[in-house]
């Protein structure tokens, strides 16, 4: 018994049930597919959340570093203010930043080790 192969006539293709969907339903389906696609791949989509979390963590680290620097600078400003200037701090800054020293001062400079030796 030979297998019967059924071929569709060109006129039968246009009578398939999927072509009987109304244009309104087809438009609604296209809109739903678009929004589902955007929910995953869009700028605010689910796949972008991981990248945003990584960026947020990096910004939190940067924020902590900046707050630490701000605290250090506020301390330096308070020590340099004219109301209660810290003479030792001012002298230290003058020696370090402007290479000003009393001729009677003895300065001992300790070289810093290279970074690869400092970690051992």
C-alpha atoms as a PDB file:
ATOM      1  CA  UNK A   1       0.000   0.000   0.000  1.00  0.00           C
ATOM      2  CA  UNK A   2       1.545   3.252  -1.073  1.00  0.00           C
ATOM      3  CA  UNK A   3       1.567   6.167   1.278  1.00  0.00           C
ATOM      4  CA  UNK A   4      -0.766   8.825   0.100  1.00  0.00           C
ATOM      5  CA  UNK A   5       0.782  12.233   0.092  1.00  0.00           C
ATOM      6  CA  UNK A   6      -1.549  15.122   0.436  1.00  0.00           C
ATOM      7  CA  UNK A   7      -0.622  18.366  -1.229  1.00  0.00           C
ATOM      8  CA  UNK A   8      -2.336  21.602  -0.537  1.00  0.00           C
ATOM      9  CA  UNK A   9      -3.824  23.430  -3.407  1.00  0.00           C
ATOM     10  CA  UNK A  10      -3.052  27.155  -3.536  1.00  0.00           C
ATOM     11  CA  UNK A  11      -6.683  27.958  -2.831  1.00  0.00           C
ATOM     12  CA  UNK A  12      -6.636  25.716   0.284  1.00  0.00           C
ATOM     13  CA  UNK A  13      -3.800  27.716   1.885  1.00  0.00           C
ATOM     14  CA  UNK A  14      -6.011  30.749   2.227  1.00  0.00           C
ATOM     15  CA  UNK A  15      -8.700  28.725   4.015  1.00  0.00           C
ATOM     16  CA  UNK A  16      -6.463  27.695   6.917  1.00  0.00           C
ATOM     17  CA  UNK A  17      -7.845  28.590  10.365  1.00  0.00           C
ATOM     18  CA  UNK A  18      -4.916  30.814  11.328  1.00  0.00           C
ATOM     19  CA  UNK A  19      -5.820  33.198   8.568  1.00  0.00           C
ATOM     20  CA  UNK A  20      -9.287  33.579  10.043  1.00  0.00           C
ATOM     21  CA  UNK A  21      -7.954  35.608  13.007  1.00  0.00           C
ATOM     22  CA  UNK A  22      -9.393  39.068  13.001  1.00  0.00           C
ATOM     23  CA  UNK A  23      -7.055  42.015  12.387  1.00  0.00           C
ATOM     24  CA  UNK A  24      -7.796  43.345  15.883  1.00  0.00           C
ATOM     25  CA  UNK A  25      -6.660  40.080  17.497  1.00  0.00           C
ATOM     26  CA  UNK A  26      -3.562  40.007  15.282  1.00  0.00           C
ATOM     27  CA  UNK A  27      -2.712  43.597  16.245  1.00  0.00           C
ATOM     28  CA  UNK A  28      -3.205  42.804  19.928  1.00  0.00           C
ATOM     29  CA  UNK A  29      -0.949  39.746  19.611  1.00  0.00           C
ATOM     30  CA  UNK A  30       1.778  41.834  17.969  1.00  0.00           C
ATOM     31  CA  UNK A  31       1.554  44.443  20.747  1.00  0.00           C
ATOM     32  CA  UNK A  32       1.750  41.767  23.458  1.00  0.00           C
ATOM     33  CA  UNK A  33       4.780  40.151  21.803  1.00  0.00           C
ATOM     34  CA  UNK A  34       6.465  43.561  21.559  1.00  0.00           C
ATOM     35  CA  UNK A  35       5.954  44.344  25.253  1.00  0.00           C
ATOM     36  CA  UNK A  36       7.100  40.885  26.355  1.00  0.00           C
ATOM     37  CA  UNK A  37      10.232  41.291  24.239  1.00  0.00           C
ATOM     38  CA  UNK A  38      10.889  44.727  25.777  1.00  0.00           C
ATOM     39  CA  UNK A  39      10.325  43.367  29.294  1.00  0.00           C
ATOM     40  CA  UNK A  40      13.298  41.061  28.815  1.00  0.00           C
ATOM     41  CA  UNK A  41      15.672  42.939  26.534  1.00  0.00           C
ATOM     42  CA  UNK A  42      14.746  46.589  26.938  1.00  0.00           C
ATOM     43  CA  UNK A  43      16.704  49.302  28.708  1.00  0.00           C
ATOM     44  CA  UNK A  44      14.796  48.595  31.930  1.00  0.00           C
ATOM     45  CA  UNK A  45      14.346  44.888  31.165  1.00  0.00           C
ATOM     46  CA  UNK A  46      15.086  41.840  33.250  1.00  0.00           C
ATOM     47  CA  UNK A  47      18.378  41.166  31.478  1.00  0.00           C
ATOM     48  CA  UNK A  48      19.637  44.683  32.293  1.00  0.00           C
ATOM     49  CA  UNK A  49      19.127  44.335  36.055  1.00  0.00           C
ATOM     50  CA  UNK A  50      22.384  42.419  36.528  1.00  0.00           C
ATOM     51  CA  UNK A  51      24.386  45.173  34.848  1.00  0.00           C
ATOM     52  CA  UNK A  52      22.603  47.800  36.943  1.00  0.00           C
ATOM     53  CA  UNK A  53      23.398  45.835  40.119  1.00  0.00           C
ATOM     54  CA  UNK A  54      27.103  45.697  39.200  1.00  0.00           C
ATOM     55  CA  UNK A  55      27.131  49.439  38.484  1.00  0.00           C
ATOM     56  CA  UNK A  56      25.327  50.164  41.764  1.00  0.00           C
ATOM     57  CA  UNK A  57      27.910  48.149  43.718  1.00  0.00           C
ATOM     58  CA  UNK A  58      30.774  50.033  42.030  1.00  0.00           C
ATOM     59  CA  UNK A  59      29.094  53.347  42.824  1.00  0.00           C
ATOM     60  CA  UNK A  60      28.648  52.342  46.474  1.00  0.00           C
ATOM     61  CA  UNK A  61      32.388  51.583  46.710  1.00  0.00           C
ATOM     62  CA  UNK A  62      33.201  54.918  45.077  1.00  0.00           C
ATOM     63  CA  UNK A  63      30.820  56.667  47.483  1.00  0.00           C
ATOM     64  CA  UNK A  64      32.570  55.106  50.495  1.00  0.00           C
ATOM     65  CA  UNK A  65      35.975  56.205  49.169  1.00  0.00           C
ATOM     66  CA  UNK A  66      34.725  59.749  48.590  1.00  0.00           C
ATOM     67  CA  UNK A  67      33.180  59.937  52.055  1.00  0.00           C
ATOM     68  CA  UNK A  68      36.470  58.816  53.573  1.00  0.00           C
ATOM     69  CA  UNK A  69      38.347  61.470  51.559  1.00  0.00           C
ATOM     70  CA  UNK A  70      35.781  64.102  52.570  1.00  0.00           C
ATOM     71  CA  UNK A  71      36.280  63.228  56.249  1.00  0.00           C
ATOM     72  CA  UNK A  72      40.059  63.467  55.843  1.00  0.00           C
ATOM     73  CA  UNK A  73      39.784  66.864  54.126  1.00  0.00           C
ATOM     74  CA  UNK A  74      37.362  68.194  56.755  1.00  0.00           C
ATOM     75  CA  UNK A  75      39.838  67.146  59.446  1.00  0.00           C
ATOM     76  CA  UNK A  76      42.663  68.950  57.621  1.00  0.00           C
ATOM     77  CA  UNK A  77      40.553  72.085  57.239  1.00  0.00           C
ATOM     78  CA  UNK A  78      39.629  72.105  60.915  1.00  0.00           C
ATOM     79  CA  UNK A  79      43.299  71.723  61.873  1.00  0.00           C
ATOM     80  CA  UNK A  80      44.269  74.623  59.578  1.00  0.00           C
ATOM     81  CA  UNK A  81      41.461  76.993  60.586  1.00  0.00           C
ATOM     82  CA  UNK A  82      42.581  80.269  62.160  1.00  0.00           C
ATOM     83  CA  UNK A  83      40.357  79.811  65.224  1.00  0.00           C
ATOM     84  CA  UNK A  84      42.383  76.884  66.557  1.00  0.00           C
ATOM     85  CA  UNK A  85      45.303  76.187  64.262  1.00  0.00           C
ATOM     86  CA  UNK A  86      47.416  73.120  65.032  1.00  0.00           C
ATOM     87  CA  UNK A  87      50.999  74.396  64.787  1.00  0.00           C
ATOM     88  CA  UNK A  88      52.506  70.919  64.434  1.00  0.00           C
ATOM     89  CA  UNK A  89      50.161  70.107  61.554  1.00  0.00           C
ATOM     90  CA  UNK A  90      50.936  73.437  59.828  1.00  0.00           C
ATOM     91  CA  UNK A  91      54.685  72.854  60.220  1.00  0.00           C
ATOM     92  CA  UNK A  92      54.362  69.318  58.870  1.00  0.00           C
ATOM     93  CA  UNK A  93      52.435  70.586  55.819  1.00  0.00           C
ATOM     94  CA  UNK A  94      54.978  73.363  55.196  1.00  0.00           C
ATOM     95  CA  UNK A  95      57.857  70.886  55.281  1.00  0.00           C
ATOM     96  CA  UNK A  96      56.093  68.314  53.106  1.00  0.00           C
ATOM     97  CA  UNK A  97      54.416  70.587  50.528  1.00  0.00           C
ATOM     98  CA  UNK A  98      56.808  73.528  50.253  1.00  0.00           C
ATOM     99  CA  UNK A  99      60.099  71.944  51.353  1.00  0.00           C
ATOM    100  CA  UNK A 100      60.410  74.545  54.111  1.00  0.00           C
ATOM    101  CA  UNK A 101      62.379  73.479  57.137  1.00  0.00           C
ATOM    102  CA  UNK A 102      64.323  75.067  59.926  1.00  0.00           C
ATOM    103  CA  UNK A 103      68.070  74.853  59.304  1.00  0.00           C
ATOM    104  CA  UNK A 104      68.385  73.080  62.658  1.00  0.00           C
ATOM    105  CA  UNK A 105      65.912  70.366  61.698  1.00  0.00           C
ATOM    106  CA  UNK A 106      67.135  66.905  60.887  1.00  0.00           C
ATOM    107  CA  UNK A 107      64.931  65.159  58.406  1.00  0.00           C
ATOM    108  CA  UNK A 108      65.062  61.406  58.010  1.00  0.00           C
ATOM    109  CA  UNK A 109      63.349  60.095  54.912  1.00  0.00           C
ATOM    110  CA  UNK A 110      62.410  56.419  54.861  1.00  0.00           C
ATOM    111  CA  UNK A 111      62.027  55.108  51.317  1.00  0.00           C
ATOM    112  CA  UNK A 112      58.855  53.220  50.605  1.00  0.00           C
ATOM    113  CA  UNK A 113      59.318  49.674  49.293  1.00  0.00           C
ATOM    114  CA  UNK A 114      58.124  48.810  45.776  1.00  0.00           C
ATOM    115  CA  UNK A 115      54.529  47.497  45.673  1.00  0.00           C
ATOM    116  CA  UNK A 116      55.557  43.918  44.885  1.00  0.00           C
ATOM    117  CA  UNK A 117      57.689  43.776  48.055  1.00  0.00           C
ATOM    118  CA  UNK A 118      55.140  45.536  50.238  1.00  0.00           C
ATOM    119  CA  UNK A 119      52.539  42.765  49.863  1.00  0.00           C
ATOM    120  CA  UNK A 120      54.871  39.954  51.039  1.00  0.00           C
END
